[in-house]
Amino acid sequence: MAVSPRREDRRIQRTRQLLKRASIEIMQKKGVPATSIQEITERANVNRGTFYDHFADKYALLETLIRDEFHHLVCVLPPVSYWNSSVLQHLIQLVLENFRDVQRRCRPLGDIDPLTQRIIQEELAVLLLAWLTEKRKKGVQDTVSLQTAAGTMSWAILGAALQWSLEPGSMASEQMAHGIVLLLLHGVAHLTDEDTPDQYK
């Protein structure tokens, strides 16, 4: 008897969940480099071929886990069409606090995986691009593409989060996030006595 597509989809989802749960349990104990696909499949009670039906390797699985965690982190935010500076500050605060939590779990301190950094930057850039596209002023000539703006903002947030997470007690996450929002939305012109050259106006 043929299996219905809906049951097949549920089976695929269940298998992926088993693999993800097993990998989290093992990676938290042993770390990513020391975790093997064999251990993951044994813990999930699936065969090795089934693993490769879902993921190219353990790093593809790890990437899925990181993206899942980021989406779970930001699911409390409203749709981008409702974003304003307060929502942007909330997003930044979430990222700051997430990096602080990761730093506390990592050994040695400061060893946040470059893969984690890259994925969070990419996910932030996608969110920020959607927001900038939604809020773009009609009829305004772009001097910088929205993709460039979103990418720059995402790297600024990521860099600030990394720095802040390494300086526990420097300032509250809310205060730090507020400062980052001011810089992102208004720049540093008010901090300097430089006149803006005509070509940048």
N, C-alpha and C. Protein backbone atom coordinates (compact mmCIF):
# COMPACT_ATOMS: atom_id res chain seq x y z
N MET A 1 0.84 -1.19 0.00
CA MET A 1 0.00 0.00 0.00
C MET A 1 0.88 1.24 0.00
N ALA A 2 0.55 2.19 -0.88
CA ALA A 2 1.35 3.41 -0.99
C ALA A 2 1.17 4.29 0.24
N VAL A 3 2.26 4.97 0.60
CA VAL A 3 2.22 5.90 1.74
C VAL A 3 1.75 7.25 1.23
N SER A 4 0.79 7.87 1.91
CA SER A 4 0.27 9.17 1.48
C SER A 4 1.35 10.23 1.62
N PRO A 5 1.31 11.27 0.74
CA PRO A 5 2.32 12.34 0.83
C PRO A 5 2.36 12.99 2.21
N ARG A 6 1.19 13.15 2.83
CA ARG A 6 1.15 13.79 4.14
C ARG A 6 1.89 12.94 5.19
N ARG A 7 1.65 11.62 5.16
CA ARG A 7 2.34 10.74 6.10
C ARG A 7 3.84 10.71 5.82
N GLU A 8 4.19 10.75 4.52
CA GLU A 8 5.60 10.78 4.13
C GLU A 8 6.26 12.06 4.64
N ASP A 9 5.57 13.20 4.50
CA ASP A 9 6.11 14.47 4.99
C ASP A 9 6.32 14.42 6.50
N ARG A 10 5.36 13.84 7.21
CA ARG A 10 5.49 13.74 8.67
C ARG A 10 6.66 12.84 9.04
N ARG A 11 6.85 11.78 8.27
CA ARG A 11 7.96 10.87 8.54
C ARG A 11 9.30 11.58 8.31
N ILE A 12 9.39 12.34 7.23
CA ILE A 12 10.61 13.10 6.94
C ILE A 12 10.89 14.11 8.06
N GLN A 13 9.86 14.83 8.47
CA GLN A 13 10.02 15.82 9.54
C GLN A 13 10.45 15.15 10.84
N ARG A 14 9.85 14.00 11.13
CA ARG A 14 10.18 13.29 12.36
C ARG A 14 11.64 12.82 12.34
N THR A 15 12.08 12.31 11.19
CA THR A 15 13.47 11.85 11.08
C THR A 15 14.44 13.02 11.24
N ARG A 16 14.13 14.14 10.60
CA ARG A 16 14.99 15.33 10.74
C ARG A 16 15.05 15.78 12.20
N GLN A 17 13.92 15.75 12.87
CA GLN A 17 13.89 16.16 14.28
C GLN A 17 14.74 15.22 15.13
N LEU A 18 14.65 13.91 14.86
CA LEU A 18 15.47 12.94 15.59
C LEU A 18 16.96 13.21 15.39
N LEU A 19 17.34 13.48 14.15
CA LEU A 19 18.75 13.75 13.85
C LEU A 19 19.21 15.05 14.51
N LYS A 20 18.36 16.07 14.47
CA LYS A 20 18.74 17.35 15.08
C LYS A 20 18.86 17.22 16.59
N ARG A 21 17.90 16.54 17.20
CA ARG A 21 17.94 16.36 18.66
C ARG A 21 19.17 15.57 19.08
N ALA A 22 19.46 14.50 18.35
CA ALA A 22 20.63 13.67 18.67
C ALA A 22 21.92 14.46 18.53
N SER A 23 22.02 15.25 17.47
CA SER A 23 23.26 16.02 17.26
C SER A 23 23.44 17.08 18.33
N ILE A 24 22.37 17.71 18.76
CA ILE A 24 22.46 18.72 19.83
C ILE A 24 22.99 18.06 21.10
N GLU A 25 22.43 16.92 21.46
CA GLU A 25 22.84 16.23 22.68
C GLU A 25 24.32 15.87 22.64
N ILE A 26 24.78 15.37 21.51
CA ILE A 26 26.19 14.93 21.40
C ILE A 26 27.13 16.13 21.30
N MET A 27 26.76 17.13 20.46
CA MET A 27 27.63 18.29 20.28
C MET A 27 27.80 19.08 21.56
N GLN A 28 26.76 19.14 22.38
CA GLN A 28 26.87 19.87 23.64
C GLN A 28 27.85 19.18 24.59
N LYS A 29 27.93 17.87 24.50
CA LYS A 29 28.86 17.13 25.37
C LYS A 29 30.28 17.10 24.82
N LYS A 30 30.41 16.88 23.51
CA LYS A 30 31.73 16.62 22.93
C LYS A 30 32.28 17.76 22.08
N GLY A 31 31.42 18.69 21.68
CA GLY A 31 31.83 19.71 20.73
C GLY A 31 31.65 19.22 19.31
N VAL A 32 31.62 20.16 18.37
CA VAL A 32 31.36 19.81 16.97
C VAL A 32 32.47 18.96 16.36
N PRO A 33 33.75 19.35 16.50
CA PRO A 33 34.81 18.56 15.84
C PRO A 33 34.83 17.09 16.25
N ALA A 34 34.54 16.83 17.52
CA ALA A 34 34.63 15.46 18.03
C ALA A 34 33.36 14.65 17.80
N THR A 35 32.32 15.27 17.28
CA THR A 35 31.07 14.57 17.03
C THR A 35 31.12 13.89 15.67
N SER A 36 30.75 12.62 15.62
CA SER A 36 30.75 11.89 14.35
C SER A 36 29.32 11.62 13.89
N ILE A 37 29.19 11.44 12.60
CA ILE A 37 27.88 11.11 12.02
C ILE A 37 27.41 9.76 12.56
N GLN A 38 28.36 8.84 12.76
CA GLN A 38 28.00 7.53 13.32
C GLN A 38 27.31 7.68 14.67
N GLU A 39 27.88 8.54 15.53
CA GLU A 39 27.28 8.76 16.85
C GLU A 39 25.89 9.37 16.74
N ILE A 40 25.74 10.30 15.82
CA ILE A 40 24.44 10.96 15.63
C ILE A 40 23.40 9.95 15.18
N THR A 41 23.75 9.12 14.20
CA THR A 41 22.78 8.17 13.67
C THR A 41 22.43 7.09 14.71
N GLU A 42 23.42 6.68 15.49
CA GLU A 42 23.14 5.69 16.54
C GLU A 42 22.21 6.28 17.60
N ARG A 43 22.47 7.53 17.99
CA ARG A 43 21.61 8.17 19.00
C ARG A 43 20.19 8.38 18.45
N ALA A 44 20.09 8.72 17.17
CA ALA A 44 18.78 8.96 16.55
C ALA A 44 18.10 7.66 16.13
N ASN A 45 18.85 6.54 16.17
CA ASN A 45 18.32 5.23 15.78
C ASN A 45 17.90 5.21 14.31
N VAL A 46 18.76 5.77 13.46
CA VAL A 46 18.54 5.71 12.01
C VAL A 46 19.85 5.26 11.37
N ASN A 47 19.78 4.79 10.12
CA ASN A 47 21.02 4.35 9.48
C ASN A 47 21.75 5.52 8.82
N ARG A 48 23.00 5.28 8.49
CA ARG A 48 23.85 6.34 7.94
C ARG A 48 23.30 6.90 6.63
N GLY A 49 22.75 6.01 5.80
CA GLY A 49 22.17 6.46 4.53
C GLY A 49 21.03 7.44 4.74
N THR A 50 20.24 7.21 5.79
CA THR A 50 19.13 8.12 6.09
C THR A 50 19.66 9.50 6.45
N PHE A 51 20.78 9.54 7.19
CA PHE A 51 21.38 10.84 7.52
C PHE A 51 21.66 11.62 6.23
N TYR A 52 22.31 10.94 5.26
CA TYR A 52 22.71 11.62 4.03
C TYR A 52 21.52 11.94 3.12
N ASP A 53 20.38 11.33 3.38
CA ASP A 53 19.16 11.73 2.67
C ASP A 53 18.71 13.13 3.09
N HIS A 54 19.13 13.54 4.29
CA HIS A 54 18.67 14.81 4.86
C HIS A 54 19.74 15.89 4.90
N PHE A 55 21.01 15.49 5.12
CA PHE A 55 22.09 16.45 5.28
C PHE A 55 23.34 15.97 4.56
N ALA A 56 24.07 16.91 3.98
CA ALA A 56 25.29 16.55 3.25
C ALA A 56 26.38 16.07 4.19
N ASP A 57 26.47 16.69 5.36
CA ASP A 57 27.47 16.31 6.37
C ASP A 57 27.04 16.93 7.70
N LYS A 58 27.87 16.76 8.73
CA LYS A 58 27.48 17.25 10.05
C LYS A 58 27.46 18.78 10.08
N TYR A 59 28.22 19.42 9.21
CA TYR A 59 28.24 20.88 9.20
C TYR A 59 26.97 21.44 8.55
N ALA A 60 26.42 20.72 7.58
CA ALA A 60 25.13 21.12 7.02
C ALA A 60 24.04 20.99 8.08
N LEU A 61 24.13 19.96 8.88
CA LEU A 61 23.19 19.77 9.99
C LEU A 61 23.36 20.89 11.00
N LEU A 62 24.60 21.22 11.33
CA LEU A 62 24.87 22.30 12.28
C LEU A 62 24.33 23.63 11.76
N GLU A 63 24.50 23.88 10.47
CA GLU A 63 23.98 25.12 9.88
C GLU A 63 22.46 25.19 10.04
N THR A 64 21.79 24.07 9.82
CA THR A 64 20.33 24.02 10.00
C THR A 64 19.96 24.34 11.45
N LEU A 65 20.72 23.78 12.39
CA LEU A 65 20.45 24.03 13.81
C LEU A 65 20.61 25.50 14.16
N ILE A 66 21.66 26.13 13.64
CA ILE A 66 21.91 27.54 13.94
C ILE A 66 20.81 28.42 13.35
N ARG A 67 20.41 28.12 12.10
CA ARG A 67 19.34 28.91 11.48
C ARG A 67 18.02 28.70 12.24
N ASP A 68 17.74 27.48 12.64
CA ASP A 68 16.53 27.21 13.43
C ASP A 68 16.53 28.02 14.72
N GLU A 69 17.69 28.05 15.38
CA GLU A 69 17.78 28.79 16.65
C GLU A 69 17.57 30.29 16.43
N PHE A 70 18.13 30.82 15.34
CA PHE A 70 17.95 32.24 15.05
C PHE A 70 16.48 32.55 14.77
N HIS A 71 15.82 31.71 13.97
CA HIS A 71 14.41 31.94 13.66
C HIS A 71 13.56 31.86 14.92
N HIS A 72 13.92 30.94 15.80
CA HIS A 72 13.20 30.83 17.08
C HIS A 72 13.43 32.09 17.91
N LEU A 73 14.64 32.62 17.86
CA LEU A 73 14.99 33.81 18.63
C LEU A 73 14.17 35.02 18.20
N VAL A 74 13.99 35.19 16.90
CA VAL A 74 13.33 36.41 16.40
C VAL A 74 11.83 36.22 16.14
N CYS A 75 11.30 35.05 16.44
CA CYS A 75 9.88 34.81 16.17
C CYS A 75 8.97 35.69 17.03
N VAL A 76 9.52 36.30 18.08
CA VAL A 76 8.72 37.17 18.95
C VAL A 76 8.51 38.54 18.31
N LEU A 77 9.25 38.84 17.25
CA LEU A 77 9.14 40.15 16.61
C LEU A 77 7.94 40.19 15.66
N PRO A 78 7.35 41.37 15.48
CA PRO A 78 6.23 41.48 14.53
C PRO A 78 6.74 41.38 13.09
N PRO A 79 5.85 41.23 12.12
CA PRO A 79 6.27 41.25 10.71
C PRO A 79 7.00 42.56 10.40
N VAL A 80 7.92 42.51 9.42
CA VAL A 80 8.75 43.68 9.14
C VAL A 80 7.93 44.90 8.75
N SER A 81 6.73 44.71 8.23
CA SER A 81 5.91 45.86 7.86
C SER A 81 5.51 46.70 9.06
N TYR A 82 5.63 46.15 10.26
CA TYR A 82 5.29 46.88 11.49
C TYR A 82 6.53 47.34 12.25
N TRP A 83 7.71 47.13 11.67
CA TRP A 83 8.93 47.51 12.38
C TRP A 83 9.09 49.02 12.47
N ASN A 84 9.69 49.46 13.56
CA ASN A 84 10.14 50.83 13.75
C ASN A 84 11.45 50.77 14.52
N SER A 85 11.94 51.91 14.99
CA SER A 85 13.24 51.90 15.69
C SER A 85 13.19 51.09 16.98
N SER A 86 12.02 51.04 17.62
CA SER A 86 11.89 50.25 18.85
C SER A 86 12.02 48.76 18.57
N VAL A 87 11.42 48.31 17.46
CA VAL A 87 11.52 46.89 17.10
C VAL A 87 12.95 46.56 16.69
N LEU A 88 13.59 47.48 15.96
CA LEU A 88 14.99 47.28 15.58
C LEU A 88 15.86 47.15 16.84
N GLN A 89 15.59 47.99 17.83
CA GLN A 89 16.34 47.90 19.09
C GLN A 89 16.09 46.55 19.77
N HIS A 90 14.84 46.08 19.74
CA HIS A 90 14.52 44.78 20.34
C HIS A 90 15.29 43.67 19.63
N LEU A 91 15.33 43.71 18.29
CA LEU A 91 16.09 42.73 17.52
C LEU A 91 17.56 42.72 17.96
N ILE A 92 18.15 43.90 18.04
CA ILE A 92 19.57 43.99 18.42
C ILE A 92 19.78 43.47 19.83
N GLN A 93 18.88 43.79 20.72
CA GLN A 93 19.00 43.31 22.10
C GLN A 93 18.93 41.79 22.15
N LEU A 94 18.05 41.20 21.35
CA LEU A 94 17.98 39.73 21.29
C LEU A 94 19.30 39.13 20.83
N VAL A 95 19.90 39.75 19.80
CA VAL A 95 21.17 39.24 19.28
C VAL A 95 22.27 39.40 20.33
N LEU A 96 22.31 40.55 20.98
CA LEU A 96 23.31 40.78 22.04
C LEU A 96 23.21 39.71 23.11
N GLU A 97 22.01 39.50 23.61
CA GLU A 97 21.83 38.55 24.71
C GLU A 97 22.10 37.12 24.28
N ASN A 98 21.78 36.81 23.01
CA ASN A 98 22.08 35.48 22.49
C ASN A 98 23.59 35.24 22.44
N PHE A 99 24.35 36.24 21.97
CA PHE A 99 25.80 36.11 21.92
C PHE A 99 26.39 36.00 23.31
N ARG A 100 25.85 36.74 24.27
CA ARG A 100 26.33 36.63 25.64
C ARG A 100 26.11 35.21 26.17
N ASP A 101 24.94 34.65 25.87
CA ASP A 101 24.65 33.28 26.32
C ASP A 101 25.59 32.27 25.66
N VAL A 102 25.87 32.47 24.36
CA VAL A 102 26.78 31.57 23.65
C VAL A 102 28.18 31.67 24.26
N GLN A 103 28.61 32.89 24.56
CA GLN A 103 29.94 33.07 25.16
C GLN A 103 30.04 32.33 26.49
N ARG A 104 28.97 32.34 27.27
CA ARG A 104 29.00 31.66 28.57
C ARG A 104 29.09 30.14 28.41
N ARG A 105 28.54 29.62 27.30
CA ARG A 105 28.57 28.17 27.07
C ARG A 105 29.88 27.72 26.43
N CYS A 106 30.54 28.64 25.70
CA CYS A 106 31.73 28.27 24.92
C CYS A 106 32.95 28.16 25.81
N ARG A 107 33.82 27.22 25.47
CA ARG A 107 35.13 27.08 26.10
C ARG A 107 36.14 26.88 24.98
N PRO A 108 37.22 27.68 24.91
CA PRO A 108 37.52 28.77 25.80
C PRO A 108 36.63 29.97 25.53
N LEU A 109 36.59 30.89 26.46
CA LEU A 109 35.77 32.09 26.31
C LEU A 109 36.16 32.83 25.04
N GLY A 110 35.18 33.24 24.32
CA GLY A 110 35.44 33.98 23.09
C GLY A 110 35.46 33.13 21.85
N ASP A 111 35.34 31.82 21.99
CA ASP A 111 35.45 30.92 20.86
C ASP A 111 34.09 30.65 20.24
N ILE A 112 33.47 31.69 19.67
CA ILE A 112 32.22 31.51 18.94
C ILE A 112 32.57 31.05 17.53
N ASP A 113 31.97 29.98 17.11
CA ASP A 113 32.28 29.36 15.83
C ASP A 113 32.06 30.36 14.68
N PRO A 114 33.03 30.46 13.75
CA PRO A 114 32.85 31.35 12.60
C PRO A 114 31.60 31.02 11.79
N LEU A 115 31.22 29.74 11.75
CA LEU A 115 30.00 29.35 11.05
C LEU A 115 28.79 30.02 11.69
N THR A 116 28.75 30.05 13.02
CA THR A 116 27.66 30.71 13.74
C THR A 116 27.61 32.19 13.38
N GLN A 117 28.77 32.83 13.38
CA GLN A 117 28.82 34.25 13.04
C GLN A 117 28.30 34.50 11.63
N ARG A 118 28.76 33.68 10.68
CA ARG A 118 28.35 33.88 9.28
C ARG A 118 26.86 33.72 9.11
N ILE A 119 26.30 32.70 9.73
CA ILE A 119 24.87 32.43 9.55
C ILE A 119 24.03 33.52 10.19
N ILE A 120 24.41 33.96 11.38
CA ILE A 120 23.64 35.03 12.03
C ILE A 120 23.73 36.31 11.20
N GLN A 121 24.91 36.60 10.66
CA GLN A 121 25.04 37.78 9.81
C GLN A 121 24.14 37.67 8.59
N GLU A 122 24.12 36.51 7.96
CA GLU A 122 23.28 36.31 6.78
C GLU A 122 21.80 36.48 7.11
N GLU A 123 21.38 35.87 8.23
CA GLU A 123 19.97 35.95 8.62
C GLU A 123 19.58 37.38 8.99
N LEU A 124 20.48 38.09 9.67
CA LEU A 124 20.23 39.49 9.99
C LEU A 124 20.09 40.32 8.72
N ALA A 125 20.99 40.09 7.75
CA ALA A 125 20.95 40.85 6.50
C ALA A 125 19.64 40.64 5.77
N VAL A 126 19.13 39.40 5.77
CA VAL A 126 17.84 39.11 5.11
C VAL A 126 16.71 39.88 5.79
N LEU A 127 16.69 39.85 7.12
CA LEU A 127 15.66 40.57 7.86
C LEU A 127 15.73 42.08 7.62
N LEU A 128 16.95 42.62 7.70
CA LEU A 128 17.13 44.06 7.55
C LEU A 128 16.81 44.51 6.13
N LEU A 129 17.15 43.69 5.14
CA LEU A 129 16.81 44.03 3.76
C LEU A 129 15.30 44.08 3.58
N ALA A 130 14.59 43.12 4.15
CA ALA A 130 13.13 43.13 4.06
C ALA A 130 12.57 44.39 4.70
N TRP A 131 13.13 44.78 5.85
CA TRP A 131 12.66 45.97 6.54
C TRP A 131 12.96 47.24 5.74
N LEU A 132 14.19 47.35 5.23
CA LEU A 132 14.55 48.54 4.45
C LEU A 132 13.71 48.64 3.18
N THR A 133 13.44 47.50 2.56
CA THR A 133 12.60 47.49 1.35
C THR A 133 11.19 47.96 1.68
N GLU A 134 10.69 47.52 2.82
CA GLU A 134 9.35 47.91 3.27
C GLU A 134 9.27 49.39 3.59
N LYS A 135 10.32 49.94 4.19
CA LYS A 135 10.32 51.32 4.67
C LYS A 135 10.92 52.32 3.69
N ARG A 136 11.38 51.84 2.56
CA ARG A 136 12.06 52.72 1.60
C ARG A 136 11.17 53.90 1.21
N LYS A 137 11.75 55.08 1.23
CA LYS A 137 11.00 56.28 0.85
C LYS A 137 10.79 56.28 -0.66
N LYS A 138 9.56 56.51 -1.05
CA LYS A 138 9.25 56.52 -2.48
C LYS A 138 9.86 57.77 -3.13
N GLY A 139 10.44 57.56 -4.30
CA GLY A 139 10.99 58.67 -5.05
C GLY A 139 12.38 59.12 -4.63
N VAL A 140 12.95 58.48 -3.59
CA VAL A 140 14.29 58.87 -3.14
C VAL A 140 15.33 58.10 -3.94
N GLN A 141 16.30 58.81 -4.46
CA GLN A 141 17.38 58.19 -5.25
C GLN A 141 18.35 57.51 -4.29
N ASP A 142 18.61 56.21 -4.50
CA ASP A 142 19.53 55.48 -3.64
C ASP A 142 20.97 55.85 -3.96
N THR A 143 21.72 56.24 -2.93
CA THR A 143 23.17 56.43 -3.10
C THR A 143 23.91 55.13 -2.76
N VAL A 144 23.26 54.28 -1.97
CA VAL A 144 23.79 52.97 -1.60
C VAL A 144 22.66 51.97 -1.80
N SER A 145 22.97 50.81 -2.38
CA SER A 145 21.91 49.82 -2.59
C SER A 145 21.39 49.33 -1.25
N LEU A 146 20.14 48.89 -1.24
CA LEU A 146 19.56 48.38 -0.01
C LEU A 146 20.29 47.13 0.46
N GLN A 147 20.77 46.30 -0.49
CA GLN A 147 21.53 45.11 -0.12
C GLN A 147 22.82 45.49 0.62
N THR A 148 23.50 46.54 0.12
CA THR A 148 24.73 47.00 0.78
C THR A 148 24.41 47.55 2.16
N ALA A 149 23.34 48.32 2.25
CA ALA A 149 22.95 48.89 3.55
C ALA A 149 22.61 47.79 4.55
N ALA A 150 21.82 46.80 4.11
CA ALA A 150 21.44 45.70 5.01
C ALA A 150 22.66 44.90 5.44
N GLY A 151 23.56 44.63 4.49
CA GLY A 151 24.77 43.88 4.82
C GLY A 151 25.65 44.63 5.81
N THR A 152 25.81 45.93 5.60
CA THR A 152 26.62 46.75 6.50
C THR A 152 26.01 46.80 7.89
N MET A 153 24.69 46.98 7.94
CA MET A 153 24.01 47.02 9.24
C MET A 153 24.17 45.68 9.97
N SER A 154 24.04 44.58 9.23
CA SER A 154 24.13 43.27 9.87
C SER A 154 25.52 43.03 10.44
N TRP A 155 26.56 43.45 9.70
CA TRP A 155 27.93 43.29 10.20
C TRP A 155 28.17 44.18 11.41
N ALA A 156 27.59 45.39 11.39
CA ALA A 156 27.75 46.30 12.54
C ALA A 156 27.12 45.69 13.79
N ILE A 157 25.93 45.13 13.64
CA ILE A 157 25.25 44.51 14.78
C ILE A 157 26.06 43.31 15.28
N LEU A 158 26.52 42.48 14.33
CA LEU A 158 27.29 41.29 14.70
C LEU A 158 28.57 41.68 15.44
N GLY A 159 29.30 42.66 14.90
CA GLY A 159 30.54 43.09 15.53
C GLY A 159 30.32 43.65 16.92
N ALA A 160 29.26 44.46 17.06
CA ALA A 160 28.94 45.02 18.37
C ALA A 160 28.56 43.92 19.36
N ALA A 161 27.82 42.93 18.87
CA ALA A 161 27.40 41.83 19.74
C ALA A 161 28.60 41.02 20.22
N LEU A 162 29.54 40.75 19.31
CA LEU A 162 30.74 40.02 19.69
C LEU A 162 31.55 40.78 20.73
N GLN A 163 31.74 42.08 20.48
CA GLN A 163 32.51 42.90 21.41
C GLN A 163 31.83 42.98 22.77
N TRP A 164 30.53 43.24 22.75
CA TRP A 164 29.78 43.39 24.01
C TRP A 164 29.78 42.09 24.81
N SER A 165 29.67 40.96 24.11
CA SER A 165 29.61 39.67 24.81
C SER A 165 30.93 39.33 25.50
N LEU A 166 32.03 39.94 25.01
CA LEU A 166 33.34 39.70 25.61
C LEU A 166 33.65 40.66 26.76
N GLU A 167 32.74 41.62 26.98
CA GLU A 167 32.93 42.62 28.03
C GLU A 167 31.77 42.57 29.01
N PRO A 168 31.65 41.48 29.78
CA PRO A 168 30.52 41.36 30.69
C PRO A 168 30.48 42.50 31.70
N GLY A 169 29.27 43.04 31.89
CA GLY A 169 29.11 44.11 32.87
C GLY A 169 29.42 45.49 32.34
N SER A 170 29.81 45.61 31.04
CA SER A 170 30.16 46.92 30.51
C SER A 170 28.95 47.85 30.48
N MET A 171 27.82 47.35 30.01
CA MET A 171 26.56 48.11 30.05
C MET A 171 25.42 47.12 29.80
N ALA A 172 24.23 47.53 30.17
CA ALA A 172 23.06 46.68 29.98
C ALA A 172 22.80 46.49 28.49
N SER A 173 22.23 45.34 28.14
CA SER A 173 21.95 45.05 26.73
C SER A 173 21.00 46.08 26.12
N GLU A 174 20.05 46.55 26.90
CA GLU A 174 19.09 47.54 26.40
C GLU A 174 19.80 48.85 26.05
N GLN A 175 20.72 49.28 26.91
CA GLN A 175 21.48 50.50 26.67
C GLN A 175 22.37 50.35 25.44
N MET A 176 23.04 49.21 25.34
CA MET A 176 23.91 48.95 24.20
C MET A 176 23.10 48.92 22.91
N ALA A 177 21.97 48.24 22.93
CA ALA A 177 21.12 48.15 21.73
C ALA A 177 20.63 49.53 21.31
N HIS A 178 20.28 50.37 22.29
CA HIS A 178 19.83 51.73 22.00
C HIS A 178 20.93 52.51 21.28
N GLY A 179 22.17 52.38 21.78
CA GLY A 179 23.29 53.08 21.14
C GLY A 179 23.53 52.59 19.73
N ILE A 180 23.41 51.29 19.50
CA ILE A 180 23.61 50.74 18.15
C ILE A 180 22.54 51.26 17.20
N VAL A 181 21.30 51.33 17.67
CA VAL A 181 20.22 51.84 16.83
C VAL A 181 20.51 53.29 16.42
N LEU A 182 20.95 54.10 17.37
CA LEU A 182 21.27 55.50 17.05
C LEU A 182 22.35 55.57 15.98
N LEU A 183 23.39 54.74 16.11
CA LEU A 183 24.46 54.74 15.11
C LEU A 183 23.96 54.27 13.76
N LEU A 184 23.15 53.22 13.75
CA LEU A 184 22.66 52.68 12.48
C LEU A 184 21.74 53.66 11.77
N LEU A 185 20.89 54.33 12.52
CA LEU A 185 19.89 55.20 11.90
C LEU A 185 20.37 56.63 11.68
N HIS A 186 21.37 57.06 12.45
CA HIS A 186 21.81 58.46 12.36
C HIS A 186 23.29 58.62 12.09
N GLY A 187 24.06 57.54 12.11
CA GLY A 187 25.48 57.62 11.81
C GLY A 187 26.28 58.28 12.92
N VAL A 188 27.51 58.65 12.58
CA VAL A 188 28.41 59.24 13.57
C VAL A 188 28.69 60.71 13.31
N ALA A 189 27.94 61.31 12.38
CA ALA A 189 28.21 62.72 12.03
C ALA A 189 28.11 63.62 13.25
N HIS A 190 27.17 63.32 14.14
CA HIS A 190 26.99 64.19 15.32
C HIS A 190 28.13 64.04 16.33
N LEU A 191 29.00 63.04 16.14
CA LEU A 191 30.11 62.83 17.06
C LEU A 191 31.39 63.54 16.60
N THR A 192 31.39 64.04 15.38
CA THR A 192 32.60 64.66 14.82
C THR A 192 32.32 66.10 14.42
N ASP A 193 33.42 66.81 14.20
CA ASP A 193 33.27 68.20 13.72
C ASP A 193 33.54 68.31 12.23
N GLU A 194 33.57 67.14 11.56
CA GLU A 194 33.82 67.13 10.12
C GLU A 194 32.58 67.59 9.35
N ASP A 195 32.79 68.41 8.35
CA ASP A 195 31.70 68.76 7.44
C ASP A 195 31.54 67.63 6.44
N THR A 196 30.30 67.33 6.09
CA THR A 196 30.05 66.27 5.12
C THR A 196 30.41 66.77 3.73
N PRO A 197 31.37 66.10 3.04
CA PRO A 197 31.71 66.51 1.67
C PRO A 197 30.48 66.45 0.77
N ASP A 198 30.48 67.33 -0.23
CA ASP A 198 29.33 67.43 -1.13
C ASP A 198 28.97 66.10 -1.75
N GLN A 199 29.99 65.29 -2.12
CA GLN A 199 29.70 64.04 -2.82
C GLN A 199 28.99 63.03 -1.91
N TYR A 200 29.01 63.25 -0.58
CA TYR A 200 28.34 62.34 0.35
C TYR A 200 27.01 62.88 0.85
N LYS A 201 26.64 64.08 0.38
CA LYS A 201 25.36 64.66 0.83
C LYS A 201 24.22 64.10 0.02
